[in-house]
Amino acid sequence: MMNNQDELHKPKFFGRRKGRTIRKTKNFLLENFLPRIRLSAGKKIDLPACFPEPKQKFCLEIGFGDGEHLAAIAQDCPQNGFIGVEVYQNGVANLLNLLTGIKEGDECGNADDISLLPDRTDNIRVFDDDVRLLFASLPSASFDKVYLLFPDPWPKKKHASRRFVNPENLQELARLIKKGGILQIATDHAVYKRWVMEQMRNNKDFVWTAKCSDDWRNPPADWHETKYQRKAIREGRKPVFFEYKRI
């Protein structure tokens, strides 16, 4: 439990924690299934021990939104372990929906009866709060890949300090990513594109892997389209896909 002193040092979070009313079935999953796969901050996390079977690699997705990308990439790579971080409770609930197949209107039944879909491996763990609160609990050089997909661009100049890609957060990511590991950043916002390129150009821990414009204007081979990406394309915004290697 967080005491008053902890609250004073807790980083200020800007953004939504909850949207429209979460309906009965998703609330049932938040209350009864999320605790089974939830990570807690405060003490050092042993990543291999988080999963019931040994994992070849570990990946972190920061701000997984509705969970589409995380659910899909984890299903593609059952041999890997995935940590998903999302503050927005509606998005967390949607991920649980994708993992269990339980939809609104389905009979919830007994909490003990909730299980992953038959074609899914138990390889996702969730932290449903600000990722900065989790950083200190994660071991150094532990992740092979970190995904930061379509973060809030905070386009106004006066809000630039709220952008996730900043020297302090990049320092933490450099600590967490193995040498040779990848930081993947996707955005559809012109301001954030320029911001990412500037911040990463000034960072000595990462090198841009792109050899030509197609390497960042087109999605990676293992990419899974998201709801937000489809919306951006419909509204005429062209996403870009930066990949940086930890050196």
C-alpha atoms as a PDB file:
ATOM      1  CA  MET A   1       0.000   0.000   0.000  1.00  0.00           C
ATOM      2  CA  MET A   2       1.254   3.465  -0.889  1.00  0.00           C
ATOM      3  CA  ASN A   3       1.816   5.858   2.011  1.00  0.00           C
ATOM      4  CA  ASN A   4       1.704   9.663   1.970  1.00  0.00           C
ATOM      5  CA  GLN A   5       5.447   9.931   1.347  1.00  0.00           C
ATOM      6  CA  ASP A   6       5.142   7.635  -1.679  1.00  0.00           C
ATOM      7  CA  GLU A   7       2.281   9.754  -3.002  1.00  0.00           C
ATOM      8  CA  LEU A   8       4.479  12.868  -2.840  1.00  0.00           C
ATOM      9  CA  HIS A   9       7.101  11.209  -5.066  1.00  0.00           C
ATOM     10  CA  LYS A  10       4.619   9.576  -7.441  1.00  0.00           C
ATOM     11  CA  PRO A  11       5.032  11.029 -10.958  1.00  0.00           C
ATOM     12  CA  LYS A  12       2.106  13.106 -12.141  1.00  0.00           C
ATOM     13  CA  PHE A  13       0.054  11.254 -14.732  1.00  0.00           C
ATOM     14  CA  PHE A  14      -1.678  13.085 -17.594  1.00  0.00           C
ATOM     15  CA  GLY A  15      -4.333  11.174 -19.455  1.00  0.00           C
ATOM     16  CA  ARG A  16      -7.475   9.126 -18.988  1.00  0.00           C
ATOM     17  CA  ARG A  17      -7.694   6.246 -16.553  1.00  0.00           C
ATOM     18  CA  LYS A  18     -11.265   5.376 -17.447  1.00  0.00           C
ATOM     19  CA  GLY A  19     -13.663   6.212 -20.285  1.00  0.00           C
ATOM     20  CA  ARG A  20     -17.243   5.169 -20.849  1.00  0.00           C
ATOM     21  CA  THR A  21     -18.907   2.904 -18.331  1.00  0.00           C
ATOM     22  CA  ILE A  22     -17.371  -0.555 -18.314  1.00  0.00           C
ATOM     23  CA  ARG A  23     -20.171  -3.063 -18.740  1.00  0.00           C
ATOM     24  CA  LYS A  24     -20.938  -6.085 -16.594  1.00  0.00           C
ATOM     25  CA  THR A  25     -18.917  -8.781 -18.389  1.00  0.00           C
ATOM     26  CA  LYS A  26     -15.733  -6.716 -18.649  1.00  0.00           C
ATOM     27  CA  ASN A  27     -16.057  -5.667 -15.011  1.00  0.00           C
ATOM     28  CA  PHE A  28     -16.326  -9.352 -14.159  1.00  0.00           C
ATOM     29  CA  LEU A  29     -13.044  -9.990 -16.002  1.00  0.00           C
ATOM     30  CA  LEU A  30     -11.315  -7.034 -14.311  1.00  0.00           C
ATOM     31  CA  GLU A  31     -12.343  -8.279 -10.893  1.00  0.00           C
ATOM     32  CA  ASN A  32     -11.789 -11.997 -11.406  1.00  0.00           C
ATOM     33  CA  PHE A  33      -9.268 -12.583 -14.191  1.00  0.00           C
ATOM     34  CA  LEU A  34      -6.955  -9.559 -14.096  1.00  0.00           C
ATOM     35  CA  PRO A  35      -5.588 -10.474 -10.609  1.00  0.00           C
ATOM     36  CA  ARG A  36      -4.278 -13.758 -12.060  1.00  0.00           C
ATOM     37  CA  ILE A  37      -2.061 -12.005 -14.593  1.00  0.00           C
ATOM     38  CA  ARG A  38      -1.404  -8.683 -12.840  1.00  0.00           C
ATOM     39  CA  LEU A  39       2.095  -7.495 -11.952  1.00  0.00           C
ATOM     40  CA  SER A  40       2.731  -5.365  -8.874  1.00  0.00           C
ATOM     41  CA  ALA A  41       5.418  -2.741  -8.445  1.00  0.00           C
ATOM     42  CA  GLY A  42       7.446  -2.216  -5.301  1.00  0.00           C
ATOM     43  CA  LYS A  43       9.853  -5.131  -5.290  1.00  0.00           C
ATOM     44  CA  LYS A  44      12.228  -6.594  -7.873  1.00  0.00           C
ATOM     45  CA  ILE A  45      10.419  -8.693 -10.443  1.00  0.00           C
ATOM     46  CA  ASP A  46      11.842 -12.030 -11.538  1.00  0.00           C
ATOM     47  CA  LEU A  47      10.600 -12.136 -15.145  1.00  0.00           C
ATOM     48  CA  PRO A  48      11.147 -15.867 -15.756  1.00  0.00           C
ATOM     49  CA  ALA A  49       9.229 -16.642 -12.559  1.00  0.00           C
ATOM     50  CA  CYS A  50       6.220 -14.649 -13.824  1.00  0.00           C
ATOM     51  CA  PHE A  51       5.326 -17.360 -16.321  1.00  0.00           C
ATOM     52  CA  PRO A  52       4.486 -21.038 -15.826  1.00  0.00           C
ATOM     53  CA  GLU A  53       6.860 -22.176 -18.589  1.00  0.00           C
ATOM     54  CA  PRO A  54      10.388 -21.013 -19.569  1.00  0.00           C
ATOM     55  CA  LYS A  55      10.455 -18.177 -22.112  1.00  0.00           C
ATOM     56  CA  GLN A  56      13.081 -17.514 -24.775  1.00  0.00           C
ATOM     57  CA  LYS A  57      12.676 -13.737 -24.843  1.00  0.00           C
ATOM     58  CA  PHE A  58      10.866 -11.008 -22.952  1.00  0.00           C
ATOM     59  CA  CYS A  59       9.034  -8.049 -24.486  1.00  0.00           C
ATOM     60  CA  LEU A  60       7.382  -4.979 -23.010  1.00  0.00           C
ATOM     61  CA  GLU A  61       4.521  -2.997 -24.537  1.00  0.00           C
ATOM     62  CA  ILE A  62       3.982   0.433 -22.995  1.00  0.00           C
ATOM     63  CA  GLY A  63       0.440   1.724 -23.400  1.00  0.00           C
ATOM     64  CA  PHE A  64      -1.187  -1.212 -25.168  1.00  0.00           C
ATOM     65  CA  GLY A  65      -4.481   0.617 -25.775  1.00  0.00           C
ATOM     66  CA  ASP A  66      -7.246  -1.857 -26.593  1.00  0.00           C
ATOM     67  CA  GLY A  67      -4.771  -4.720 -26.447  1.00  0.00           C
ATOM     68  CA  GLU A  68      -5.092  -5.762 -30.099  1.00  0.00           C
ATOM     69  CA  HIS A  69      -1.380  -5.651 -30.887  1.00  0.00           C
ATOM     70  CA  LEU A  70      -0.318  -7.220 -27.589  1.00  0.00           C
ATOM     71  CA  ALA A  71      -2.821 -10.076 -27.853  1.00  0.00           C
ATOM     72  CA  ALA A  72      -1.829 -10.793 -31.461  1.00  0.00           C
ATOM     73  CA  ILE A  73       1.957 -10.641 -31.076  1.00  0.00           C
ATOM     74  CA  ALA A  74       1.794 -12.800 -27.921  1.00  0.00           C
ATOM     75  CA  GLN A  75      -0.249 -15.378 -29.814  1.00  0.00           C
ATOM     76  CA  ASP A  76       2.293 -15.337 -32.665  1.00  0.00           C
ATOM     77  CA  CYS A  77       5.176 -15.902 -30.225  1.00  0.00           C
ATOM     78  CA  PRO A  78       4.079 -18.328 -27.500  1.00  0.00           C
ATOM     79  CA  GLN A  79       7.752 -18.999 -26.734  1.00  0.00           C
ATOM     80  CA  ASN A  80       8.189 -15.409 -25.476  1.00  0.00           C
ATOM     81  CA  GLY A  81       6.929 -13.624 -22.372  1.00  0.00           C
ATOM     82  CA  PHE A  82       5.125 -10.287 -22.683  1.00  0.00           C
ATOM     83  CA  ILE A  83       4.589  -7.519 -20.148  1.00  0.00           C
ATOM     84  CA  GLY A  84       1.772  -5.167 -21.118  1.00  0.00           C
ATOM     85  CA  VAL A  85       1.300  -1.801 -19.418  1.00  0.00           C
ATOM     86  CA  GLU A  86      -1.872   0.263 -19.692  1.00  0.00           C
ATOM     87  CA  VAL A  87      -3.504   2.776 -17.341  1.00  0.00           C
ATOM     88  CA  TYR A  88      -6.787   3.019 -19.272  1.00  0.00           C
ATOM     89  CA  GLN A  89      -9.086   0.514 -17.588  1.00  0.00           C
ATOM     90  CA  ASN A  90     -11.395   0.166 -20.605  1.00  0.00           C
ATOM     91  CA  GLY A  91      -8.387  -0.944 -22.667  1.00  0.00           C
ATOM     92  CA  VAL A  92      -7.269  -3.422 -20.002  1.00  0.00           C
ATOM     93  CA  ALA A  93     -10.785  -4.878 -19.951  1.00  0.00           C
ATOM     94  CA  ASN A  94     -10.738  -5.246 -23.732  1.00  0.00           C
ATOM     95  CA  LEU A  95      -7.424  -7.134 -23.599  1.00  0.00           C
ATOM     96  CA  LEU A  96      -8.936  -9.580 -21.079  1.00  0.00           C
ATOM     97  CA  ASN A  97     -11.851 -10.013 -23.450  1.00  0.00           C
ATOM     98  CA  LEU A  98      -9.443 -10.879 -26.287  1.00  0.00           C
ATOM     99  CA  LEU A  99      -7.528 -13.367 -24.132  1.00  0.00           C
ATOM    100  CA  THR A 100     -10.525 -15.235 -22.749  1.00  0.00           C
ATOM    101  CA  GLY A 101     -13.034 -14.864 -25.581  1.00  0.00           C
ATOM    102  CA  ILE A 102     -15.718 -13.845 -23.078  1.00  0.00           C
ATOM    103  CA  LYS A 103     -17.884 -11.189 -24.720  1.00  0.00           C
ATOM    104  CA  GLU A 104     -20.591  -8.880 -23.446  1.00  0.00           C
ATOM    105  CA  GLY A 105     -23.769 -10.852 -23.044  1.00  0.00           C
ATOM    106  CA  ASP A 106     -21.996 -14.157 -22.399  1.00  0.00           C
ATOM    107  CA  GLU A 107     -22.875 -15.982 -19.215  1.00  0.00           C
ATOM    108  CA  CYS A 108     -20.089 -15.146 -16.772  1.00  0.00           C
ATOM    109  CA  GLY A 109     -20.635 -18.164 -14.568  1.00  0.00           C
ATOM    110  CA  ASN A 110     -18.113 -18.924 -11.838  1.00  0.00           C
ATOM    111  CA  ALA A 111     -14.865 -16.947 -11.572  1.00  0.00           C
ATOM    112  CA  ASP A 112     -12.937 -20.225 -11.375  1.00  0.00           C
ATOM    113  CA  ASP A 113     -14.238 -21.179 -14.812  1.00  0.00           C
ATOM    114  CA  ILE A 114     -12.507 -18.259 -16.592  1.00  0.00           C
ATOM    115  CA  SER A 115      -9.645 -19.449 -18.757  1.00  0.00           C
ATOM    116  CA  LEU A 116      -7.598 -18.430 -21.763  1.00  0.00           C
ATOM    117  CA  LEU A 117      -8.868 -19.336 -25.195  1.00  0.00           C
ATOM    118  CA  PRO A 118      -7.717 -22.843 -26.217  1.00  0.00           C
ATOM    119  CA  ASP A 119      -5.264 -21.517 -28.816  1.00  0.00           C
ATOM    120  CA  ARG A 120      -3.561 -19.114 -26.412  1.00  0.00           C
ATOM    121  CA  THR A 121      -0.495 -19.583 -24.212  1.00  0.00           C
ATOM    122  CA  ASP A 122      -0.244 -18.054 -20.749  1.00  0.00           C
ATOM    123  CA  ASN A 123       2.457 -15.569 -21.775  1.00  0.00           C
ATOM    124  CA  ILE A 124       1.060 -12.115 -20.918  1.00  0.00           C
ATOM    125  CA  ARG A 125       1.332 -10.258 -17.631  1.00  0.00           C
ATOM    126  CA  VAL A 126      -0.315  -6.863 -17.079  1.00  0.00           C
ATOM    127  CA  PHE A 127       0.606  -3.778 -15.082  1.00  0.00           C
ATOM    128  CA  ASP A 128      -2.460  -1.510 -15.045  1.00  0.00           C
ATOM    129  CA  ASP A 129      -0.851   1.726 -13.914  1.00  0.00           C
ATOM    130  CA  ASP A 130       1.761   4.267 -14.997  1.00  0.00           C
ATOM    131  CA  VAL A 131       4.789   2.393 -16.358  1.00  0.00           C
ATOM    132  CA  ARG A 132       7.145   4.794 -14.559  1.00  0.00           C
ATOM    133  CA  LEU A 133       5.988   3.210 -11.284  1.00  0.00           C
ATOM    134  CA  LEU A 134       7.135  -0.167 -12.617  1.00  0.00           C
ATOM    135  CA  PHE A 135      10.561   0.807 -13.929  1.00  0.00           C
ATOM    136  CA  ALA A 136      12.445   0.381 -10.647  1.00  0.00           C
ATOM    137  CA  SER A 137      11.010  -3.124 -10.172  1.00  0.00           C
ATOM    138  CA  LEU A 138      12.215  -4.386 -13.557  1.00  0.00           C
ATOM    139  CA  PRO A 139      15.683  -5.955 -13.889  1.00  0.00           C
ATOM    140  CA  SER A 140      18.324  -4.352 -16.107  1.00  0.00           C
ATOM    141  CA  ALA A 141      19.002  -5.733 -19.594  1.00  0.00           C
ATOM    142  CA  SER A 142      15.923  -7.931 -19.424  1.00  0.00           C
ATOM    143  CA  PHE A 143      13.921  -7.063 -22.538  1.00  0.00           C
ATOM    144  CA  ASP A 144      14.625  -8.061 -26.122  1.00  0.00           C
ATOM    145  CA  LYS A 145      12.024  -5.640 -27.466  1.00  0.00           C
ATOM    146  CA  VAL A 146       9.998  -2.705 -26.191  1.00  0.00           C
ATOM    147  CA  TYR A 147       6.943  -1.430 -28.050  1.00  0.00           C
ATOM    148  CA  LEU A 148       5.688   2.156 -27.730  1.00  0.00           C
ATOM    149  CA  LEU A 149       2.832   2.338 -30.221  1.00  0.00           C
ATOM    150  CA  PHE A 150       0.898   5.529 -30.903  1.00  0.00           C
ATOM    151  CA  PRO A 151       1.563   7.279 -27.586  1.00  0.00           C
ATOM    152  CA  ASP A 152      -0.329  10.467 -26.800  1.00  0.00           C
ATOM    153  CA  PRO A 153       1.485  13.131 -28.899  1.00  0.00           C
ATOM    154  CA  TRP A 154       0.696  16.066 -26.620  1.00  0.00           C
ATOM    155  CA  PRO A 155       1.134  18.300 -29.693  1.00  0.00           C
ATOM    156  CA  LYS A 156       1.058  21.696 -27.981  1.00  0.00           C
ATOM    157  CA  LYS A 157       4.490  23.100 -27.204  1.00  0.00           C
ATOM    158  CA  LYS A 158       3.514  23.872 -23.607  1.00  0.00           C
ATOM    159  CA  HIS A 159       2.773  20.147 -23.100  1.00  0.00           C
ATOM    160  CA  ALA A 160       6.042  18.852 -24.567  1.00  0.00           C
ATOM    161  CA  SER A 161       7.253  17.718 -21.136  1.00  0.00           C
ATOM    162  CA  ARG A 162       4.364  15.239 -21.008  1.00  0.00           C
ATOM    163  CA  ARG A 163       5.575  13.305 -24.062  1.00  0.00           C
ATOM    164  CA  PHE A 164       6.763   9.847 -23.124  1.00  0.00           C
ATOM    165  CA  VAL A 165       9.828   9.967 -25.362  1.00  0.00           C
ATOM    166  CA  ASN A 166      12.099  12.155 -23.248  1.00  0.00           C
ATOM    167  CA  PRO A 167      15.644  11.837 -21.859  1.00  0.00           C
ATOM    168  CA  GLU A 168      14.544  10.478 -18.475  1.00  0.00           C
ATOM    169  CA  ASN A 169      12.335   7.724 -19.877  1.00  0.00           C
ATOM    170  CA  LEU A 170      14.849   6.861 -22.582  1.00  0.00           C
ATOM    171  CA  GLN A 171      17.492   6.407 -19.899  1.00  0.00           C
ATOM    172  CA  GLU A 172      15.231   3.872 -18.171  1.00  0.00           C
ATOM    173  CA  LEU A 173      14.515   2.060 -21.444  1.00  0.00           C
ATOM    174  CA  ALA A 174      18.225   1.916 -22.224  1.00  0.00           C
ATOM    175  CA  ARG A 175      18.729   0.224 -18.852  1.00  0.00           C
ATOM    176  CA  LEU A 176      15.950  -2.291 -19.456  1.00  0.00           C
ATOM    177  CA  ILE A 177      16.698  -3.271 -23.072  1.00  0.00           C
ATOM    178  CA  LYS A 178      19.448  -5.782 -23.778  1.00  0.00           C
ATOM    179  CA  LYS A 179      22.304  -4.727 -26.030  1.00  0.00           C
ATOM    180  CA  GLY A 180      21.133  -5.440 -29.548  1.00  0.00           C
ATOM    181  CA  GLY A 181      17.496  -5.249 -28.402  1.00  0.00           C
ATOM    182  CA  ILE A 182      14.911  -3.107 -30.187  1.00  0.00           C
ATOM    183  CA  LEU A 183      12.835  -0.090 -29.197  1.00  0.00           C
ATOM    184  CA  GLN A 184       9.923   0.224 -31.636  1.00  0.00           C
ATOM    185  CA  ILE A 185       7.975   3.500 -31.744  1.00  0.00           C
ATOM    186  CA  ALA A 186       4.940   4.079 -33.967  1.00  0.00           C
ATOM    187  CA  THR A 187       3.126   7.376 -34.388  1.00  0.00           C
ATOM    188  CA  ASP A 188       0.776   9.040 -36.848  1.00  0.00           C
ATOM    189  CA  HIS A 189       1.255  12.601 -35.577  1.00  0.00           C
ATOM    190  CA  ALA A 190       3.559  15.020 -37.438  1.00  0.00           C
ATOM    191  CA  VAL A 191       4.690  16.783 -34.240  1.00  0.00           C
ATOM    192  CA  TYR A 192       5.539  13.515 -32.535  1.00  0.00           C
ATOM    193  CA  LYS A 193       7.388  12.196 -35.601  1.00  0.00           C
ATOM    194  CA  ARG A 194       9.732  15.179 -35.490  1.00  0.00           C
ATOM    195  CA  TRP A 195       9.984  14.974 -31.708  1.00  0.00           C
ATOM    196  CA  VAL A 196      10.972  11.287 -31.721  1.00  0.00           C
ATOM    197  CA  MET A 197      13.586  11.824 -34.428  1.00  0.00           C
ATOM    198  CA  GLU A 198      15.098  14.739 -32.506  1.00  0.00           C
ATOM    199  CA  GLN A 199      15.114  12.985 -29.123  1.00  0.00           C
ATOM    200  CA  MET A 200      16.568   9.768 -30.526  1.00  0.00           C
ATOM    201  CA  ARG A 201      19.190  11.600 -32.593  1.00  0.00           C
ATOM    202  CA  ASN A 202      20.472  13.150 -29.369  1.00  0.00           C
ATOM    203  CA  ASN A 203      20.494   9.846 -27.509  1.00  0.00           C
ATOM    204  CA  LYS A 204      23.743   7.858 -27.424  1.00  0.00           C
ATOM    205  CA  ASP A 205      22.235   4.553 -26.271  1.00  0.00           C
ATOM    206  CA  PHE A 206      20.260   3.785 -29.424  1.00  0.00           C
ATOM    207  CA  VAL A 207      20.894   3.771 -33.167  1.00  0.00           C
ATOM    208  CA  TRP A 208      18.213   4.025 -35.852  1.00  0.00           C
ATOM    209  CA  THR A 209      18.080   0.811 -37.874  1.00  0.00           C
ATOM    210  CA  ALA A 210      16.472   2.280 -41.014  1.00  0.00           C
ATOM    211  CA  LYS A 211      18.523   2.043 -44.208  1.00  0.00           C
ATOM    212  CA  CYS A 212      15.956   3.730 -46.462  1.00  0.00           C
ATOM    213  CA  SER A 213      12.619   5.537 -46.110  1.00  0.00           C
ATOM    214  CA  ASP A 214      10.610   2.361 -46.712  1.00  0.00           C
ATOM    215  CA  ASP A 215      12.070   0.945 -43.502  1.00  0.00           C
ATOM    216  CA  TRP A 216      10.170   3.446 -41.388  1.00  0.00           C
ATOM    217  CA  ARG A 217       7.245   4.393 -43.606  1.00  0.00           C
ATOM    218  CA  ASN A 218       6.018   0.801 -43.821  1.00  0.00           C
ATOM    219  CA  PRO A 219       5.123  -1.454 -40.867  1.00  0.00           C
ATOM    220  CA  PRO A 220       7.526  -4.230 -39.796  1.00  0.00           C
ATOM    221  CA  ALA A 221       6.979  -7.742 -41.129  1.00  0.00           C
ATOM    222  CA  ASP A 222       5.465  -8.977 -37.846  1.00  0.00           C
ATOM    223  CA  TRP A 223       3.175  -5.977 -37.436  1.00  0.00           C
ATOM    224  CA  HIS A 224      -0.470  -6.259 -36.341  1.00  0.00           C
ATOM    225  CA  GLU A 225      -2.743  -3.364 -37.225  1.00  0.00           C
ATOM    226  CA  THR A 226      -4.540  -1.692 -34.345  1.00  0.00           C
ATOM    227  CA  LYS A 227      -7.884   0.051 -33.967  1.00  0.00           C
ATOM    228  CA  TYR A 228      -6.117   3.376 -33.476  1.00  0.00           C
ATOM    229  CA  GLN A 229      -4.009   2.856 -36.591  1.00  0.00           C
ATOM    230  CA  ARG A 230      -7.103   2.130 -38.700  1.00  0.00           C
ATOM    231  CA  LYS A 231      -8.739   5.293 -37.379  1.00  0.00           C
ATOM    232  CA  ALA A 232      -5.638   7.365 -38.204  1.00  0.00           C
ATOM    233  CA  ILE A 233      -5.554   6.053 -41.779  1.00  0.00           C
ATOM    234  CA  ARG A 234      -9.286   6.727 -42.250  1.00  0.00           C
ATOM    235  CA  GLU A 235      -8.697  10.312 -41.114  1.00  0.00           C
ATOM    236  CA  GLY A 236      -5.793  10.764 -43.518  1.00  0.00           C
ATOM    237  CA  ARG A 237      -2.856  10.442 -41.112  1.00  0.00           C
ATOM    238  CA  LYS A 238       0.040   8.278 -42.267  1.00  0.00           C
ATOM    239  CA  PRO A 239       1.687   6.258 -39.488  1.00  0.00           C
ATOM    240  CA  VAL A 240       5.441   5.776 -39.335  1.00  0.00           C
ATOM    241  CA  PHE A 241       7.344   2.967 -37.617  1.00  0.00           C
ATOM    242  CA  PHE A 242      10.706   3.765 -36.027  1.00  0.00           C
ATOM    243  CA  GLU A 243      13.022   1.002 -34.830  1.00  0.00           C
ATOM    244  CA  TYR A 244      16.068   1.752 -32.694  1.00  0.00           C
ATOM    245  CA  LYS A 245      18.693  -0.742 -31.616  1.00  0.00           C
ATOM    246  CA  ARG A 246      20.235  -0.639 -28.146  1.00  0.00           C
ATOM    247  CA  ILE A 247      24.010  -0.228 -28.540  1.00  0.00           C
END
